[in-house]
Amino acid sequence: MAIEVKAALRDATATPDWLPAERRRASHENYARHLLYGDPGGRFSILSLVWDRAQMSPIHAHHCWCAVGVYRGMLTETYYREAGAGDRPMEMGSTRHAAGASIFDPGSGIHRLANVSGVLAVSLHVYGVGADCVATGVNRIYA
């Protein structure tokens, strides 16, 4: 499945301007999440995330598989590993992902996505949960 989802994201990120303007709208308080599609069978959901300058996710892992494709701009993904009980995860490195890049996480990695560039970034996220679980069933946040 990872190969197919990454291929679909590569196709979606290679085609400019298909994403409607209202699904590319930023929020100045935090990165914006826009639901694009929820599978009627609850198997997956597709969202666009819009990252204004200097916005980032919390450090998190996923309760489900997740795939990300960078539609516009550039995102920096920082990788972490578990630390001692109650400790903040330890940073292990980072990678920059330009438009067209795709990532697949089976749900085992800890990371943070950030827009450290000077321009707006848009990414497409496919989560292995139904649309009704996107708010609560995707991220495991680390303090």
N, C-alpha and C. Protein backbone atom coordinates (compact mmCIF):
# COMPACT_ATOMS: atom_id res chain seq x y z
N MET A 1 0.81 -1.19 0.00
CA MET A 1 0.00 0.00 0.00
C MET A 1 0.86 1.26 0.00
N ALA A 2 1.98 1.27 0.71
CA ALA A 2 2.84 2.45 0.78
C ALA A 2 3.26 2.90 -0.61
N ILE A 3 3.60 1.97 -1.47
CA ILE A 3 4.05 2.32 -2.83
C ILE A 3 2.93 3.00 -3.60
N GLU A 4 1.72 2.47 -3.50
CA GLU A 4 0.59 3.04 -4.23
C GLU A 4 0.21 4.42 -3.72
N VAL A 5 0.22 4.61 -2.40
CA VAL A 5 -0.13 5.90 -1.83
C VAL A 5 0.93 6.94 -2.20
N LYS A 6 2.20 6.57 -2.10
CA LYS A 6 3.26 7.51 -2.49
C LYS A 6 3.18 7.86 -3.97
N ALA A 7 2.85 6.90 -4.82
CA ALA A 7 2.71 7.17 -6.25
C ALA A 7 1.55 8.13 -6.50
N ALA A 8 0.44 7.94 -5.82
CA ALA A 8 -0.71 8.84 -5.97
C ALA A 8 -0.34 10.25 -5.50
N LEU A 9 0.40 10.36 -4.41
CA LEU A 9 0.83 11.67 -3.93
C LEU A 9 1.80 12.33 -4.91
N ARG A 10 2.69 11.55 -5.50
CA ARG A 10 3.60 12.11 -6.51
C ARG A 10 2.82 12.68 -7.68
N ASP A 11 1.79 11.96 -8.13
CA ASP A 11 0.95 12.46 -9.21
C ASP A 11 0.21 13.74 -8.80
N ALA A 12 -0.35 13.73 -7.59
CA ALA A 12 -1.12 14.89 -7.11
C ALA A 12 -0.24 16.12 -6.92
N THR A 13 0.99 15.92 -6.47
CA THR A 13 1.87 17.07 -6.23
C THR A 13 2.55 17.55 -7.51
N ALA A 14 2.54 16.72 -8.55
CA ALA A 14 3.15 17.11 -9.83
C ALA A 14 2.20 17.92 -10.70
N THR A 15 0.93 17.93 -10.36
CA THR A 15 -0.06 18.65 -11.14
C THR A 15 -0.38 19.97 -10.45
N PRO A 16 0.11 21.09 -10.98
CA PRO A 16 -0.11 22.37 -10.30
C PRO A 16 -1.55 22.87 -10.44
N ASP A 17 -1.96 23.61 -9.44
CA ASP A 17 -3.20 24.39 -9.47
C ASP A 17 -4.50 23.60 -9.54
N TRP A 18 -4.53 22.33 -9.22
CA TRP A 18 -5.79 21.61 -9.18
C TRP A 18 -6.48 21.79 -7.83
N LEU A 19 -5.69 22.11 -6.80
CA LEU A 19 -6.26 22.26 -5.45
C LEU A 19 -6.98 23.60 -5.35
N PRO A 20 -8.29 23.60 -5.05
CA PRO A 20 -9.05 24.85 -5.00
C PRO A 20 -8.46 25.84 -4.00
N ALA A 21 -8.63 27.11 -4.26
CA ALA A 21 -8.07 28.18 -3.43
C ALA A 21 -8.51 28.06 -1.97
N GLU A 22 -9.76 27.66 -1.73
CA GLU A 22 -10.23 27.56 -0.34
C GLU A 22 -9.54 26.42 0.41
N ARG A 23 -8.93 25.49 -0.30
CA ARG A 23 -8.18 24.39 0.34
C ARG A 23 -6.68 24.71 0.44
N ARG A 24 -6.32 25.92 0.01
CA ARG A 24 -4.94 26.42 0.14
C ARG A 24 -4.89 27.65 1.05
N ARG A 25 -5.97 27.88 1.79
CA ARG A 25 -6.08 29.06 2.65
C ARG A 25 -5.32 28.83 3.95
N ALA A 26 -4.48 29.79 4.30
CA ALA A 26 -3.67 29.71 5.52
C ALA A 26 -4.41 30.31 6.71
N SER A 27 -3.94 29.97 7.88
CA SER A 27 -4.38 30.59 9.13
C SER A 27 -3.13 31.21 9.74
N HIS A 28 -3.25 32.39 10.29
CA HIS A 28 -2.07 33.03 10.86
C HIS A 28 -1.77 32.53 12.27
N GLU A 29 -2.72 31.84 12.90
CA GLU A 29 -2.49 31.32 14.26
C GLU A 29 -1.74 30.00 14.26
N ASN A 30 -2.07 29.11 13.32
CA ASN A 30 -1.49 27.77 13.30
C ASN A 30 -1.64 27.23 11.88
N TYR A 31 -0.94 26.16 11.56
CA TYR A 31 -1.14 25.59 10.23
C TYR A 31 -2.61 25.19 10.09
N ALA A 32 -3.13 25.35 8.88
CA ALA A 32 -4.55 25.09 8.62
C ALA A 32 -4.72 23.68 8.06
N ARG A 33 -5.78 23.00 8.48
CA ARG A 33 -6.11 21.67 7.97
C ARG A 33 -7.45 21.74 7.25
N HIS A 34 -7.48 21.23 6.02
CA HIS A 34 -8.70 21.23 5.22
C HIS A 34 -8.98 19.80 4.76
N LEU A 35 -10.14 19.25 5.13
CA LEU A 35 -10.51 17.91 4.69
C LEU A 35 -10.84 17.94 3.20
N LEU A 36 -10.17 17.10 2.42
CA LEU A 36 -10.43 16.98 0.99
C LEU A 36 -11.33 15.80 0.68
N TYR A 37 -11.13 14.68 1.40
CA TYR A 37 -11.91 13.48 1.12
C TYR A 37 -11.86 12.56 2.33
N GLY A 38 -13.00 12.00 2.67
CA GLY A 38 -13.09 10.97 3.69
C GLY A 38 -13.67 9.72 3.06
N ASP A 39 -12.93 8.65 3.08
CA ASP A 39 -13.41 7.39 2.50
C ASP A 39 -14.69 6.96 3.21
N PRO A 40 -15.76 6.66 2.48
CA PRO A 40 -17.03 6.25 3.11
C PRO A 40 -16.88 5.01 3.99
N GLY A 41 -15.89 4.16 3.69
CA GLY A 41 -15.65 2.98 4.49
C GLY A 41 -14.77 3.23 5.70
N GLY A 42 -14.33 4.48 5.90
CA GLY A 42 -13.51 4.82 7.06
C GLY A 42 -12.07 4.34 6.99
N ARG A 43 -11.62 3.94 5.80
CA ARG A 43 -10.25 3.41 5.67
C ARG A 43 -9.17 4.47 5.63
N PHE A 44 -9.50 5.67 5.12
CA PHE A 44 -8.50 6.73 5.02
C PHE A 44 -9.18 8.08 4.83
N SER A 45 -8.40 9.14 5.05
CA SER A 45 -8.85 10.51 4.84
C SER A 45 -7.72 11.28 4.17
N ILE A 46 -8.08 12.25 3.34
CA ILE A 46 -7.10 13.08 2.66
C ILE A 46 -7.33 14.53 3.07
N LEU A 47 -6.27 15.19 3.50
CA LEU A 47 -6.34 16.59 3.93
C LEU A 47 -5.27 17.41 3.22
N SER A 48 -5.54 18.69 3.07
CA SER A 48 -4.48 19.62 2.71
C SER A 48 -4.12 20.38 3.98
N LEU A 49 -2.84 20.55 4.22
CA LEU A 49 -2.36 21.35 5.34
C LEU A 49 -1.63 22.54 4.76
N VAL A 50 -1.95 23.71 5.24
CA VAL A 50 -1.37 24.95 4.73
C VAL A 50 -0.52 25.55 5.84
N TRP A 51 0.75 25.75 5.50
CA TRP A 51 1.76 26.19 6.47
C TRP A 51 2.20 27.61 6.12
N ASP A 52 1.85 28.57 6.97
CA ASP A 52 2.36 29.92 6.78
C ASP A 52 3.83 29.92 7.21
N ARG A 53 4.48 31.01 7.00
CA ARG A 53 5.90 31.12 7.35
C ARG A 53 6.09 30.86 8.84
N ALA A 54 7.09 30.05 9.17
CA ALA A 54 7.51 29.74 10.55
C ALA A 54 6.50 28.89 11.33
N GLN A 55 5.51 28.31 10.68
CA GLN A 55 4.58 27.44 11.39
C GLN A 55 5.10 26.02 11.42
N MET A 56 4.79 25.30 12.50
CA MET A 56 5.24 23.92 12.63
C MET A 56 4.24 23.11 13.43
N SER A 57 4.31 21.81 13.21
CA SER A 57 3.48 20.90 14.00
C SER A 57 4.15 20.69 15.35
N PRO A 58 3.41 20.16 16.30
CA PRO A 58 4.08 19.71 17.52
C PRO A 58 4.90 18.45 17.20
N ILE A 59 5.79 18.09 18.07
CA ILE A 59 6.49 16.81 17.93
C ILE A 59 5.44 15.74 18.17
N HIS A 60 5.34 14.79 17.22
CA HIS A 60 4.27 13.80 17.32
C HIS A 60 4.64 12.50 16.60
N ALA A 61 3.89 11.49 16.93
CA ALA A 61 3.89 10.22 16.20
C ALA A 61 2.45 10.01 15.77
N HIS A 62 2.22 8.97 15.01
CA HIS A 62 0.87 8.72 14.50
C HIS A 62 0.31 7.43 15.08
N HIS A 63 -0.99 7.43 15.32
CA HIS A 63 -1.71 6.23 15.75
C HIS A 63 -2.04 5.34 14.55
N CYS A 64 -1.80 5.84 13.36
CA CYS A 64 -2.14 5.15 12.13
C CYS A 64 -1.04 5.42 11.10
N TRP A 65 -1.14 4.79 9.94
CA TRP A 65 -0.18 5.13 8.89
C TRP A 65 -0.50 6.51 8.35
N CYS A 66 0.50 7.15 7.80
CA CYS A 66 0.34 8.50 7.28
C CYS A 66 1.28 8.68 6.09
N ALA A 67 0.79 9.33 5.06
CA ALA A 67 1.62 9.68 3.90
C ALA A 67 1.47 11.18 3.66
N VAL A 68 2.58 11.82 3.28
CA VAL A 68 2.59 13.26 3.06
C VAL A 68 3.24 13.53 1.71
N GLY A 69 2.62 14.42 0.96
CA GLY A 69 3.20 14.91 -0.29
C GLY A 69 3.26 16.42 -0.23
N VAL A 70 4.39 16.99 -0.61
CA VAL A 70 4.52 18.44 -0.60
C VAL A 70 3.99 18.97 -1.94
N TYR A 71 2.91 19.73 -1.86
CA TYR A 71 2.23 20.26 -3.04
C TYR A 71 2.86 21.57 -3.51
N ARG A 72 3.22 22.42 -2.56
CA ARG A 72 3.79 23.72 -2.89
C ARG A 72 4.74 24.13 -1.76
N GLY A 73 5.86 24.74 -2.12
CA GLY A 73 6.81 25.22 -1.11
C GLY A 73 7.76 24.12 -0.65
N MET A 74 8.22 24.26 0.58
CA MET A 74 9.18 23.30 1.15
C MET A 74 8.89 23.12 2.63
N LEU A 75 8.98 21.88 3.09
CA LEU A 75 8.82 21.58 4.51
C LEU A 75 10.08 20.91 5.03
N THR A 76 10.39 21.17 6.28
CA THR A 76 11.50 20.50 6.95
C THR A 76 10.91 19.50 7.93
N GLU A 77 11.35 18.25 7.80
CA GLU A 77 10.91 17.19 8.71
C GLU A 77 12.07 16.89 9.66
N THR A 78 11.82 17.01 10.95
CA THR A 78 12.81 16.69 11.96
C THR A 78 12.41 15.37 12.60
N TYR A 79 13.37 14.47 12.72
CA TYR A 79 13.14 13.12 13.25
C TYR A 79 13.58 13.06 14.70
N TYR A 80 12.85 12.28 15.49
CA TYR A 80 13.13 12.12 16.92
C TYR A 80 13.09 10.65 17.28
N ARG A 81 13.65 10.33 18.45
CA ARG A 81 13.50 8.99 19.01
C ARG A 81 13.07 9.15 20.46
N GLU A 82 12.44 8.10 20.97
CA GLU A 82 11.99 8.10 22.37
C GLU A 82 13.19 8.37 23.29
N ALA A 83 12.92 9.10 24.35
CA ALA A 83 13.92 9.32 25.40
C ALA A 83 13.43 8.59 26.65
N GLY A 84 13.98 8.91 27.77
CA GLY A 84 13.55 8.28 29.02
C GLY A 84 12.11 8.62 29.34
N ALA A 85 11.53 7.90 30.25
CA ALA A 85 10.13 8.11 30.64
C ALA A 85 9.90 9.55 31.05
N GLY A 86 8.93 10.18 30.41
CA GLY A 86 8.59 11.55 30.73
C GLY A 86 9.49 12.60 30.10
N ASP A 87 10.55 12.17 29.42
CA ASP A 87 11.46 13.12 28.79
C ASP A 87 11.01 13.44 27.37
N ARG A 88 11.37 14.61 26.92
CA ARG A 88 11.09 15.02 25.54
C ARG A 88 11.90 14.12 24.61
N PRO A 89 11.31 13.71 23.47
CA PRO A 89 12.06 12.88 22.52
C PRO A 89 13.35 13.58 22.07
N MET A 90 14.34 12.78 21.73
CA MET A 90 15.65 13.31 21.33
C MET A 90 15.71 13.50 19.82
N GLU A 91 16.18 14.67 19.40
CA GLU A 91 16.30 14.98 17.98
C GLU A 91 17.39 14.14 17.35
N MET A 92 17.10 13.57 16.16
CA MET A 92 18.05 12.69 15.48
C MET A 92 18.54 13.25 14.15
N GLY A 93 17.87 14.25 13.61
CA GLY A 93 18.27 14.82 12.33
C GLY A 93 17.07 15.38 11.61
N SER A 94 17.31 15.93 10.43
CA SER A 94 16.20 16.51 9.68
C SER A 94 16.46 16.40 8.18
N THR A 95 15.38 16.53 7.42
CA THR A 95 15.42 16.48 5.96
C THR A 95 14.49 17.55 5.43
N ARG A 96 14.91 18.21 4.36
CA ARG A 96 14.04 19.18 3.69
C ARG A 96 13.33 18.48 2.54
N HIS A 97 12.03 18.72 2.43
CA HIS A 97 11.22 18.11 1.38
C HIS A 97 10.65 19.22 0.51
N ALA A 98 11.05 19.26 -0.75
CA ALA A 98 10.57 20.26 -1.69
C ALA A 98 9.29 19.77 -2.36
N ALA A 99 8.62 20.68 -3.06
CA ALA A 99 7.40 20.32 -3.79
C ALA A 99 7.66 19.09 -4.65
N GLY A 100 6.75 18.14 -4.59
CA GLY A 100 6.86 16.88 -5.33
C GLY A 100 7.36 15.73 -4.49
N ALA A 101 7.96 16.02 -3.33
CA ALA A 101 8.46 14.94 -2.46
C ALA A 101 7.29 14.26 -1.75
N SER A 102 7.45 12.97 -1.46
CA SER A 102 6.43 12.25 -0.70
C SER A 102 7.10 11.41 0.37
N ILE A 103 6.39 11.21 1.47
CA ILE A 103 6.88 10.52 2.66
C ILE A 103 5.80 9.52 3.06
N PHE A 104 6.20 8.35 3.54
CA PHE A 104 5.23 7.40 4.09
C PHE A 104 5.73 6.96 5.46
N ASP A 105 4.86 7.03 6.46
CA ASP A 105 5.19 6.59 7.82
C ASP A 105 4.16 5.53 8.22
N PRO A 106 4.61 4.32 8.53
CA PRO A 106 3.66 3.27 8.92
C PRO A 106 3.05 3.50 10.30
N GLY A 107 3.46 4.57 10.97
CA GLY A 107 2.89 4.88 12.29
C GLY A 107 3.87 4.68 13.41
N SER A 108 5.13 4.46 13.08
CA SER A 108 6.11 4.17 14.12
C SER A 108 7.09 5.31 14.37
N GLY A 109 7.15 6.30 13.49
CA GLY A 109 8.14 7.36 13.63
C GLY A 109 7.64 8.54 14.44
N ILE A 110 8.58 9.23 15.06
CA ILE A 110 8.29 10.48 15.78
C ILE A 110 8.92 11.59 14.95
N HIS A 111 8.14 12.64 14.68
CA HIS A 111 8.68 13.71 13.85
C HIS A 111 7.96 15.03 14.10
N ARG A 112 8.46 16.05 13.43
CA ARG A 112 7.83 17.38 13.41
C ARG A 112 7.99 17.91 12.00
N LEU A 113 6.93 18.49 11.45
CA LEU A 113 7.00 19.17 10.16
C LEU A 113 6.99 20.66 10.42
N ALA A 114 7.78 21.41 9.64
CA ALA A 114 7.87 22.85 9.82
C ALA A 114 8.10 23.54 8.49
N ASN A 115 7.55 24.73 8.38
CA ASN A 115 7.82 25.58 7.23
C ASN A 115 8.81 26.65 7.69
N VAL A 116 10.08 26.41 7.46
CA VAL A 116 11.12 27.37 7.84
C VAL A 116 11.54 28.23 6.65
N SER A 117 10.84 28.08 5.53
CA SER A 117 11.13 28.89 4.36
C SER A 117 10.41 30.24 4.49
N GLY A 118 10.65 31.11 3.57
CA GLY A 118 10.03 32.42 3.60
C GLY A 118 8.74 32.51 2.83
N VAL A 119 8.21 31.37 2.35
CA VAL A 119 6.98 31.39 1.55
C VAL A 119 6.00 30.36 2.09
N LEU A 120 4.74 30.53 1.74
CA LEU A 120 3.68 29.61 2.12
C LEU A 120 3.98 28.21 1.58
N ALA A 121 3.65 27.18 2.35
CA ALA A 121 3.80 25.79 1.90
C ALA A 121 2.46 25.08 2.05
N VAL A 122 2.21 24.13 1.14
CA VAL A 122 0.99 23.33 1.18
C VAL A 122 1.39 21.87 1.04
N SER A 123 0.83 21.03 1.90
CA SER A 123 1.11 19.59 1.81
C SER A 123 -0.21 18.83 1.80
N LEU A 124 -0.17 17.65 1.19
CA LEU A 124 -1.31 16.75 1.15
C LEU A 124 -1.01 15.59 2.08
N HIS A 125 -1.95 15.26 2.97
CA HIS A 125 -1.76 14.21 3.96
C HIS A 125 -2.85 13.16 3.79
N VAL A 126 -2.44 11.91 3.76
CA VAL A 126 -3.37 10.79 3.71
C VAL A 126 -3.16 10.01 5.01
N TYR A 127 -4.22 9.90 5.80
CA TYR A 127 -4.17 9.21 7.08
C TYR A 127 -5.00 7.94 7.02
N GLY A 128 -4.53 6.91 7.68
CA GLY A 128 -5.24 5.64 7.70
C GLY A 128 -6.36 5.58 8.70
N VAL A 129 -7.19 6.61 8.74
CA VAL A 129 -8.39 6.66 9.59
C VAL A 129 -9.50 7.35 8.81
N GLY A 130 -10.73 7.13 9.23
CA GLY A 130 -11.86 7.81 8.63
C GLY A 130 -11.90 9.27 9.01
N ALA A 131 -12.65 10.05 8.26
CA ALA A 131 -12.73 11.50 8.49
C ALA A 131 -13.22 11.84 9.89
N ASP A 132 -14.07 11.00 10.46
CA ASP A 132 -14.58 11.28 11.80
C ASP A 132 -13.53 11.08 12.89
N CYS A 133 -12.38 10.48 12.55
CA CYS A 133 -11.32 10.24 13.52
C CYS A 133 -10.08 11.11 13.30
N VAL A 134 -10.11 11.97 12.30
CA VAL A 134 -8.92 12.78 11.99
C VAL A 134 -8.51 13.65 13.17
N ALA A 135 -9.45 14.26 13.85
CA ALA A 135 -9.11 15.16 14.95
C ALA A 135 -8.55 14.42 16.17
N THR A 136 -8.98 13.20 16.41
CA THR A 136 -8.57 12.50 17.63
C THR A 136 -7.75 11.25 17.39
N GLY A 137 -7.81 10.65 16.22
CA GLY A 137 -7.19 9.35 16.01
C GLY A 137 -5.90 9.35 15.22
N VAL A 138 -5.34 10.54 14.95
CA VAL A 138 -4.14 10.58 14.11
C VAL A 138 -2.87 10.78 14.93
N ASN A 139 -2.77 11.86 15.66
CA ASN A 139 -1.51 12.23 16.30
C ASN A 139 -1.41 11.85 17.77
N ARG A 140 -0.23 11.39 18.15
CA ARG A 140 0.15 11.21 19.55
C ARG A 140 1.17 12.32 19.82
N ILE A 141 0.77 13.34 20.56
CA ILE A 141 1.58 14.53 20.77
C ILE A 141 2.55 14.32 21.93
N TYR A 142 3.78 14.78 21.74
CA TYR A 142 4.79 14.78 22.80
C TYR A 142 4.93 16.20 23.32
N ALA A 143 4.93 16.37 24.62
CA ALA A 143 5.02 17.70 25.24
C ALA A 143 6.41 18.29 25.06
